[in-house]
Amino acid sequence: MKILPLHSEIVRYLSERRLTSKFEKQGRRFEKSPFHPSLHTEVLEPRSLHIWSFRVDLKYRAIFIFRAPDKIEILDVNNHYR
């Protein structure tokens, strides 16, 4: 699995919240095994939109879509409990 390059706003968001290293670690894990238990990868509701998320840490999740069977684009990283 490949993660497409992040938009500059997402990079800035990660940096401002000191999440860059956590995101990189989870991103490497995702690329090796997208459904690794620690990622808690899930499809979001409504399922028909095919928008997914995986855990960056206990508070933040990365929201993504599949651009190809083996490529994803991160659309957002956000506070999951806001």
PDB file of N, CA and C in Angstrom:
ATOM      1  N   MET A   1       0.854  -1.171   0.000  1.00  0.00           N
ATOM      2  CA  MET A   1       0.000   0.000   0.000  1.00  0.00           C
ATOM      3  C   MET A   1       0.899   1.233   0.000  1.00  0.00           C
ATOM      4  N   LYS A   2       0.511   2.247  -0.756  1.00  0.00           N
ATOM      5  CA  LYS A   2       1.272   3.490  -0.826  1.00  0.00           C
ATOM      6  C   LYS A   2       0.387   4.651  -0.404  1.00  0.00           C
ATOM      7  N   ILE A   3       0.958   5.534   0.409  1.00  0.00           N
ATOM      8  CA  ILE A   3       0.280   6.770   0.802  1.00  0.00           C
ATOM      9  C   ILE A   3       0.801   7.884  -0.103  1.00  0.00           C
ATOM     10  N   LEU A   4      -0.097   8.524  -0.818  1.00  0.00           N
ATOM     11  CA  LEU A   4       0.293   9.632  -1.692  1.00  0.00           C
ATOM     12  C   LEU A   4       0.817  10.797  -0.846  1.00  0.00           C
ATOM     13  N   PRO A   5       1.641  11.685  -1.434  1.00  0.00           N
ATOM     14  CA  PRO A   5       2.178  12.819  -0.673  1.00  0.00           C
ATOM     15  C   PRO A   5       1.074  13.652  -0.020  1.00  0.00           C
ATOM     16  N   LEU A   6       1.360  14.126   1.187  1.00  0.00           N
ATOM     17  CA  LEU A   6       0.392  14.900   1.953  1.00  0.00           C
ATOM     18  C   LEU A   6       0.296  16.334   1.453  1.00  0.00           C
ATOM     19  N   HIS A   7      -0.892  16.899   1.529  1.00  0.00           N
ATOM     20  CA  HIS A   7      -1.116  18.313   1.227  1.00  0.00           C
ATOM     21  C   HIS A   7      -0.358  19.133   2.271  1.00  0.00           C
ATOM     22  N   SER A   8       0.133  20.284   1.890  1.00  0.00           N
ATOM     23  CA  SER A   8       0.937  21.127   2.789  1.00  0.00           C
ATOM     24  C   SER A   8       0.169  21.527   4.047  1.00  0.00           C
ATOM     25  N   GLU A   9      -1.149  21.706   3.952  1.00  0.00           N
ATOM     26  CA  GLU A   9      -1.948  22.057   5.131  1.00  0.00           C
ATOM     27  C   GLU A   9      -1.972  20.918   6.149  1.00  0.00           C
ATOM     28  N   ILE A  10      -1.985  19.682   5.676  1.00  0.00           N
ATOM     29  CA  ILE A  10      -1.959  18.528   6.582  1.00  0.00           C
ATOM     30  C   ILE A  10      -0.592  18.426   7.239  1.00  0.00           C
ATOM     31  N   VAL A  11       0.458  18.650   6.476  1.00  0.00           N
ATOM     32  CA  VAL A  11       1.816  18.640   7.030  1.00  0.00           C
ATOM     33  C   VAL A  11       1.935  19.696   8.127  1.00  0.00           C
ATOM     34  N   ARG A  12       1.394  20.875   7.874  1.00  0.00           N
ATOM     35  CA  ARG A  12       1.433  21.958   8.867  1.00  0.00           C
ATOM     36  C   ARG A  12       0.630  21.578  10.115  1.00  0.00           C
ATOM     37  N   TYR A  13      -0.536  21.015   9.925  1.00  0.00           N
ATOM     38  CA  TYR A  13      -1.388  20.587  11.042  1.00  0.00           C
ATOM     39  C   TYR A  13      -0.642  19.579  11.920  1.00  0.00           C
ATOM     40  N   LEU A  14      -0.019  18.594  11.291  1.00  0.00           N
ATOM     41  CA  LEU A  14       0.747  17.585  12.040  1.00  0.00           C
ATOM     42  C   LEU A  14       1.889  18.231  12.812  1.00  0.00           C
ATOM     43  N   SER A  15       2.594  19.131  12.161  1.00  0.00           N
ATOM     44  CA  SER A  15       3.730  19.802  12.787  1.00  0.00           C
ATOM     45  C   SER A  15       3.294  20.649  13.986  1.00  0.00           C
ATOM     46  N   GLU A  16       2.231  21.414  13.829  1.00  0.00           N
ATOM     47  CA  GLU A  16       1.754  22.283  14.907  1.00  0.00           C
ATOM     48  C   GLU A  16       1.328  21.493  16.146  1.00  0.00           C
ATOM     49  N   ARG A  17       0.880  20.279  15.936  1.00  0.00           N
ATOM     50  CA  ARG A  17       0.413  19.446  17.048  1.00  0.00           C
ATOM     51  C   ARG A  17       1.435  18.400  17.480  1.00  0.00           C
ATOM     52  N   ARG A  18       2.627  18.513  16.927  1.00  0.00           N
ATOM     53  CA  ARG A  18       3.730  17.589  17.239  1.00  0.00           C
ATOM     54  C   ARG A  18       3.341  16.133  16.991  1.00  0.00           C
ATOM     55  N   LEU A  19       2.687  15.920  15.860  1.00  0.00           N
ATOM     56  CA  LEU A  19       2.226  14.586  15.480  1.00  0.00           C
ATOM     57  C   LEU A  19       3.014  13.993  14.316  1.00  0.00           C
ATOM     58  N   THR A  20       3.994  14.716  13.807  1.00  0.00           N
ATOM     59  CA  THR A  20       4.697  14.271  12.606  1.00  0.00           C
ATOM     60  C   THR A  20       5.308  12.888  12.777  1.00  0.00           C
ATOM     61  N   SER A  21       6.042  12.664  13.855  1.00  0.00           N
ATOM     62  CA  SER A  21       6.696  11.361  14.031  1.00  0.00           C
ATOM     63  C   SER A  21       5.676  10.252  14.267  1.00  0.00           C
ATOM     64  N   LYS A  22       4.602  10.542  14.999  1.00  0.00           N
ATOM     65  CA  LYS A  22       3.553   9.541  15.209  1.00  0.00           C
ATOM     66  C   LYS A  22       2.876   9.189  13.882  1.00  0.00           C
ATOM     67  N   PHE A  23       2.600  10.227  13.071  1.00  0.00           N
ATOM     68  CA  PHE A  23       1.975   9.975  11.780  1.00  0.00           C
ATOM     69  C   PHE A  23       2.899   9.152  10.892  1.00  0.00           C
ATOM     70  N   GLU A  24       4.166   9.486  10.856  1.00  0.00           N
ATOM     71  CA  GLU A  24       5.115   8.737  10.030  1.00  0.00           C
ATOM     72  C   GLU A  24       5.195   7.278  10.462  1.00  0.00           C
ATOM     73  N   LYS A  25       5.220   7.041  11.777  1.00  0.00           N
ATOM     74  CA  LYS A  25       5.264   5.668  12.289  1.00  0.00           C
ATOM     75  C   LYS A  25       4.017   4.896  11.874  1.00  0.00           C
ATOM     76  N   GLN A  26       2.850   5.499  12.088  1.00  0.00           N
ATOM     77  CA  GLN A  26       1.610   4.822  11.733  1.00  0.00           C
ATOM     78  C   GLN A  26       1.476   4.694  10.208  1.00  0.00           C
ATOM     79  N   GLY A  27       1.984   5.667   9.475  1.00  0.00           N
ATOM     80  CA  GLY A  27       1.967   5.598   8.013  1.00  0.00           C
ATOM     81  C   GLY A  27       2.800   4.426   7.505  1.00  0.00           C
ATOM     82  N   ARG A  28       3.984   4.223   8.074  1.00  0.00           N
ATOM     83  CA  ARG A  28       4.811   3.067   7.694  1.00  0.00           C
ATOM     84  C   ARG A  28       4.087   1.768   8.019  1.00  0.00           C
ATOM     85  N   ARG A  29       3.473   1.731   9.187  1.00  0.00           N
ATOM     86  CA  ARG A  29       2.722   0.541   9.585  1.00  0.00           C
ATOM     87  C   ARG A  29       1.568   0.294   8.606  1.00  0.00           C
ATOM     88  N   PHE A  30       0.855   1.366   8.235  1.00  0.00           N
ATOM     89  CA  PHE A  30      -0.253   1.243   7.294  1.00  0.00           C
ATOM     90  C   PHE A  30       0.236   0.709   5.948  1.00  0.00           C
ATOM     91  N   GLU A  31       1.359   1.225   5.457  1.00  0.00           N
ATOM     92  CA  GLU A  31       1.871   0.786   4.159  1.00  0.00           C
ATOM     93  C   GLU A  31       2.233  -0.701   4.160  1.00  0.00           C
ATOM     94  N   LYS A  32       2.670  -1.204   5.289  1.00  0.00           N
ATOM     95  CA  LYS A  32       3.012  -2.637   5.397  1.00  0.00           C
ATOM     96  C   LYS A  32       1.767  -3.497   5.595  1.00  0.00           C
ATOM     97  N   SER A  33       0.841  -3.010   6.420  1.00  0.00           N
ATOM     98  CA  SER A  33      -0.334  -3.804   6.776  1.00  0.00           C
ATOM     99  C   SER A  33      -1.491  -2.862   7.105  1.00  0.00           C
ATOM    100  N   PRO A  34      -2.309  -2.494   6.103  1.00  0.00           N
ATOM    101  CA  PRO A  34      -3.367  -1.490   6.304  1.00  0.00           C
ATOM    102  C   PRO A  34      -4.379  -1.813   7.406  1.00  0.00           C
ATOM    103  N   PHE A  35      -4.516  -3.067   7.752  1.00  0.00           N
ATOM    104  CA  PHE A  35      -5.488  -3.426   8.781  1.00  0.00           C
ATOM    105  C   PHE A  35      -4.810  -3.964  10.038  1.00  0.00           C
ATOM    106  N   HIS A  36      -3.588  -3.481  10.294  1.00  0.00           N
ATOM    107  CA  HIS A  36      -2.887  -3.847  11.523  1.00  0.00           C
ATOM    108  C   HIS A  36      -3.776  -3.434  12.700  1.00  0.00           C
ATOM    109  N   PRO A  37      -3.893  -4.282  13.724  1.00  0.00           N
ATOM    110  CA  PRO A  37      -4.804  -3.979  14.844  1.00  0.00           C
ATOM    111  C   PRO A  37      -4.578  -2.613  15.513  1.00  0.00           C
ATOM    112  N   SER A  38      -3.332  -2.153  15.592  1.00  0.00           N
ATOM    113  CA  SER A  38      -3.087  -0.873  16.276  1.00  0.00           C
ATOM    114  C   SER A  38      -3.591   0.331  15.481  1.00  0.00           C
ATOM    115  N   LEU A  39      -3.869   0.148  14.198  1.00  0.00           N
ATOM    116  CA  LEU A  39      -4.363   1.249  13.367  1.00  0.00           C
ATOM    117  C   LEU A  39      -5.862   1.484  13.522  1.00  0.00           C
ATOM    118  N   HIS A  40      -6.588   0.461  13.918  1.00  0.00           N
ATOM    119  CA  HIS A  40      -8.051   0.558  14.028  1.00  0.00           C
ATOM    120  C   HIS A  40      -8.660   1.135  12.753  1.00  0.00           C
ATOM    121  N   THR A  41      -8.217   0.628  11.610  1.00  0.00           N
ATOM    122  CA  THR A  41      -8.711   1.079  10.311  1.00  0.00           C
ATOM    123  C   THR A  41     -10.190   0.755  10.182  1.00  0.00           C
ATOM    124  N   GLU A  42     -10.955   1.742   9.727  1.00  0.00           N
ATOM    125  CA  GLU A  42     -12.396   1.527   9.590  1.00  0.00           C
ATOM    126  C   GLU A  42     -12.971   2.389   8.479  1.00  0.00           C
ATOM    127  N   VAL A  43     -14.046   1.898   7.878  1.00  0.00           N
ATOM    128  CA  VAL A  43     -14.788   2.685   6.904  1.00  0.00           C
ATOM    129  C   VAL A  43     -15.782   3.544   7.689  1.00  0.00           C
ATOM    130  N   LEU A  44     -15.921   4.793   7.270  1.00  0.00           N
ATOM    131  CA  LEU A  44     -16.790   5.728   7.981  1.00  0.00           C
ATOM    132  C   LEU A  44     -18.206   5.708   7.395  1.00  0.00           C
ATOM    133  N   GLU A  45     -19.134   6.159   8.187  1.00  0.00           N
ATOM    134  CA  GLU A  45     -20.534   6.248   7.746  1.00  0.00           C
ATOM    135  C   GLU A  45     -20.757   7.564   7.015  1.00  0.00           C
ATOM    136  N   PRO A  46     -21.563   7.608   5.984  1.00  0.00           N
ATOM    137  CA  PRO A  46     -22.198   6.468   5.355  1.00  0.00           C
ATOM    138  C   PRO A  46     -21.179   5.679   4.535  1.00  0.00           C
ATOM    139  N   ARG A  47     -21.237   4.393   4.654  1.00  0.00           N
ATOM    140  CA  ARG A  47     -20.282   3.494   4.006  1.00  0.00           C
ATOM    141  C   ARG A  47     -20.244   3.672   2.489  1.00  0.00           C
ATOM    142  N   SER A  48     -21.335   4.105   1.913  1.00  0.00           N
ATOM    143  CA  SER A  48     -21.415   4.268   0.452  1.00  0.00           C
ATOM    144  C   SER A  48     -20.433   5.308  -0.090  1.00  0.00           C
ATOM    145  N   LEU A  49     -19.934   6.201   0.770  1.00  0.00           N
ATOM    146  CA  LEU A  49     -18.964   7.213   0.334  1.00  0.00           C
ATOM    147  C   LEU A  49     -17.538   6.665   0.249  1.00  0.00           C
ATOM    148  N   HIS A  50     -17.299   5.506   0.852  1.00  0.00           N
ATOM    149  CA  HIS A  50     -15.986   4.846   0.815  1.00  0.00           C
ATOM    150  C   HIS A  50     -14.874   5.729   1.377  1.00  0.00           C
ATOM    151  N   ILE A  51     -15.159   6.384   2.485  1.00  0.00           N
ATOM    152  CA  ILE A  51     -14.163   7.187   3.199  1.00  0.00           C
ATOM    153  C   ILE A  51     -13.735   6.377   4.420  1.00  0.00           C
ATOM    154  N   TRP A  52     -12.428   6.288   4.622  1.00  0.00           N
ATOM    155  CA  TRP A  52     -11.852   5.441   5.663  1.00  0.00           C
ATOM    156  C   TRP A  52     -11.045   6.281   6.644  1.00  0.00           C
ATOM    157  N   SER A  53     -10.677   5.675   7.765  1.00  0.00           N
ATOM    158  CA  SER A  53      -9.774   6.335   8.708  1.00  0.00           C
ATOM    159  C   SER A  53      -8.881   5.301   9.376  1.00  0.00           C
ATOM    160  N   PHE A  54      -7.725   5.780   9.845  1.00  0.00           N
ATOM    161  CA  PHE A  54      -6.870   4.969  10.707  1.00  0.00           C
ATOM    162  C   PHE A  54      -6.348   5.839  11.826  1.00  0.00           C
ATOM    163  N   ARG A  55      -5.983   5.215  12.920  1.00  0.00           N
ATOM    164  CA  ARG A  55      -5.560   5.915  14.124  1.00  0.00           C
ATOM    165  C   ARG A  55      -4.110   6.393  13.998  1.00  0.00           C
ATOM    166  N   VAL A  56      -3.898   7.679  14.293  1.00  0.00           N
ATOM    167  CA  VAL A  56      -2.548   8.236  14.409  1.00  0.00           C
ATOM    168  C   VAL A  56      -2.077   8.055  15.848  1.00  0.00           C
ATOM    169  N   ASP A  57      -2.933   8.403  16.784  1.00  0.00           N
ATOM    170  CA  ASP A  57      -2.717   8.111  18.210  1.00  0.00           C
ATOM    171  C   ASP A  57      -4.105   8.027  18.851  1.00  0.00           C
ATOM    172  N   LEU A  58      -4.163   8.008  20.159  1.00  0.00           N
ATOM    173  CA  LEU A  58      -5.455   7.837  20.817  1.00  0.00           C
ATOM    174  C   LEU A  58      -6.433   8.980  20.532  1.00  0.00           C
ATOM    175  N   LYS A  59      -5.907  10.160  20.196  1.00  0.00           N
ATOM    176  CA  LYS A  59      -6.752  11.335  20.007  1.00  0.00           C
ATOM    177  C   LYS A  59      -7.002  11.676  18.532  1.00  0.00           C
ATOM    178  N   TYR A  60      -6.057  11.370  17.657  1.00  0.00           N
ATOM    179  CA  TYR A  60      -6.126  11.817  16.263  1.00  0.00           C
ATOM    180  C   TYR A  60      -6.263  10.651  15.287  1.00  0.00           C
ATOM    181  N   ARG A  61      -7.023  10.915  14.207  1.00  0.00           N
ATOM    182  CA  ARG A  61      -7.207   9.923  13.150  1.00  0.00           C
ATOM    183  C   ARG A  61      -6.911  10.559  11.796  1.00  0.00           C
ATOM    184  N   ALA A  62      -6.406   9.748  10.878  1.00  0.00           N
ATOM    185  CA  ALA A  62      -6.181  10.167   9.493  1.00  0.00           C
ATOM    186  C   ALA A  62      -7.369   9.693   8.667  1.00  0.00           C
ATOM    187  N   ILE A  63      -7.953  10.602   7.914  1.00  0.00           N
ATOM    188  CA  ILE A  63      -9.101  10.301   7.059  1.00  0.00           C
ATOM    189  C   ILE A  63      -8.563  10.140   5.635  1.00  0.00           C
ATOM    190  N   PHE A  64      -8.964   9.054   4.960  1.00  0.00           N
ATOM    191  CA  PHE A  64      -8.410   8.796   3.635  1.00  0.00           C
ATOM    192  C   PHE A  64      -9.416   8.138   2.706  1.00  0.00           C
ATOM    193  N   ILE A  65      -9.063   8.177   1.408  1.00  0.00           N
ATOM    194  CA  ILE A  65      -9.813   7.460   0.380  1.00  0.00           C
ATOM    195  C   ILE A  65      -8.824   6.663  -0.461  1.00  0.00           C
ATOM    196  N   PHE A  66      -9.326   5.630  -1.086  1.00  0.00           N
ATOM    197  CA  PHE A  66      -8.511   4.851  -2.013  1.00  0.00           C
ATOM    198  C   PHE A  66      -8.523   5.530  -3.370  1.00  0.00           C
ATOM    199  N   ARG A  67      -7.348   5.796  -3.918  1.00  0.00           N
ATOM    200  CA  ARG A  67      -7.221   6.357  -5.270  1.00  0.00           C
ATOM    201  C   ARG A  67      -6.997   5.239  -6.287  1.00  0.00           C
ATOM    202  N   ALA A  68      -6.526   4.105  -5.817  1.00  0.00           N
ATOM    203  CA  ALA A  68      -6.313   2.885  -6.593  1.00  0.00           C
ATOM    204  C   ALA A  68      -6.314   1.761  -5.569  1.00  0.00           C
ATOM    205  N   PRO A  69      -6.381   0.516  -6.009  1.00  0.00           N
ATOM    206  CA  PRO A  69      -6.403  -0.579  -5.031  1.00  0.00           C
ATOM    207  C   PRO A  69      -5.197  -0.587  -4.075  1.00  0.00           C
ATOM    208  N   ASP A  70      -4.080   0.009  -4.505  1.00  0.00           N
ATOM    209  CA  ASP A  70      -2.876   0.002  -3.673  1.00  0.00           C
ATOM    210  C   ASP A  70      -2.368   1.398  -3.327  1.00  0.00           C
ATOM    211  N   LYS A  71      -3.214   2.435  -3.507  1.00  0.00           N
ATOM    212  CA  LYS A  71      -2.819   3.821  -3.208  1.00  0.00           C
ATOM    213  C   LYS A  71      -3.942   4.528  -2.474  1.00  0.00           C
ATOM    214  N   ILE A  72      -3.550   5.284  -1.436  1.00  0.00           N
ATOM    215  CA  ILE A  72      -4.541   6.089  -0.720  1.00  0.00           C
ATOM    216  C   ILE A  72      -4.106   7.552  -0.691  1.00  0.00           C
ATOM    217  N   GLU A  73      -5.090   8.414  -0.522  1.00  0.00           N
ATOM    218  CA  GLU A  73      -4.838   9.840  -0.336  1.00  0.00           C
ATOM    219  C   GLU A  73      -5.403  10.236   1.020  1.00  0.00           C
ATOM    220  N   ILE A  74      -4.554  10.832   1.854  1.00  0.00           N
ATOM    221  CA  ILE A  74      -4.997  11.346   3.148  1.00  0.00           C
ATOM    222  C   ILE A  74      -5.725  12.663   2.881  1.00  0.00           C
ATOM    223  N   LEU A  75      -6.972  12.726   3.286  1.00  0.00           N
ATOM    224  CA  LEU A  75      -7.785  13.933   3.094  1.00  0.00           C
ATOM    225  C   LEU A  75      -7.688  14.879   4.269  1.00  0.00           C
ATOM    226  N   ASP A  76      -7.481  14.302   5.468  1.00  0.00           N
ATOM    227  CA  ASP A  76      -7.498  15.116   6.671  1.00  0.00           C
ATOM    228  C   ASP A  76      -6.887  14.311   7.807  1.00  0.00           C
ATOM    229  N   VAL A  77      -6.370  15.011   8.768  1.00  0.00           N
ATOM    230  CA  VAL A  77      -6.010  14.445  10.066  1.00  0.00           C
ATOM    231  C   VAL A  77      -6.730  15.313  11.068  1.00  0.00           C
ATOM    232  N   ASN A  78      -7.513  14.694  11.953  1.00  0.00           N
ATOM    233  CA  ASN A  78      -8.287  15.513  12.878  1.00  0.00           C
ATOM    234  C   ASN A  78      -8.405  14.883  14.254  1.00  0.00           C
ATOM    235  N   ASN A  79      -8.881  15.718  15.165  1.00  0.00           N
ATOM    236  CA  ASN A  79      -9.128  15.302  16.533  1.00  0.00           C
ATOM    237  C   ASN A  79     -10.397  14.460  16.515  1.00  0.00           C
ATOM    238  N   HIS A  80     -10.250  13.204  16.807  1.00  0.00           N
ATOM    239  CA  HIS A  80     -11.350  12.255  16.696  1.00  0.00           C
ATOM    240  C   HIS A  80     -12.472  12.517  17.730  1.00  0.00           C
ATOM    241  N   TYR A  81     -12.149  13.144  18.809  1.00  0.00           N
ATOM    242  CA  TYR A  81     -13.125  13.308  19.909  1.00  0.00           C
ATOM    243  C   TYR A  81     -13.627  14.722  20.070  1.00  0.00           C
ATOM    244  N   ARG A  82     -13.474  15.541  19.072  1.00  0.00           N
ATOM    245  CA  ARG A  82     -13.899  16.914  19.131  1.00  0.00           C
ATOM    246  C   ARG A  82     -15.369  17.062  18.995  1.00  0.00           C
TER     247      ARG A  82
END
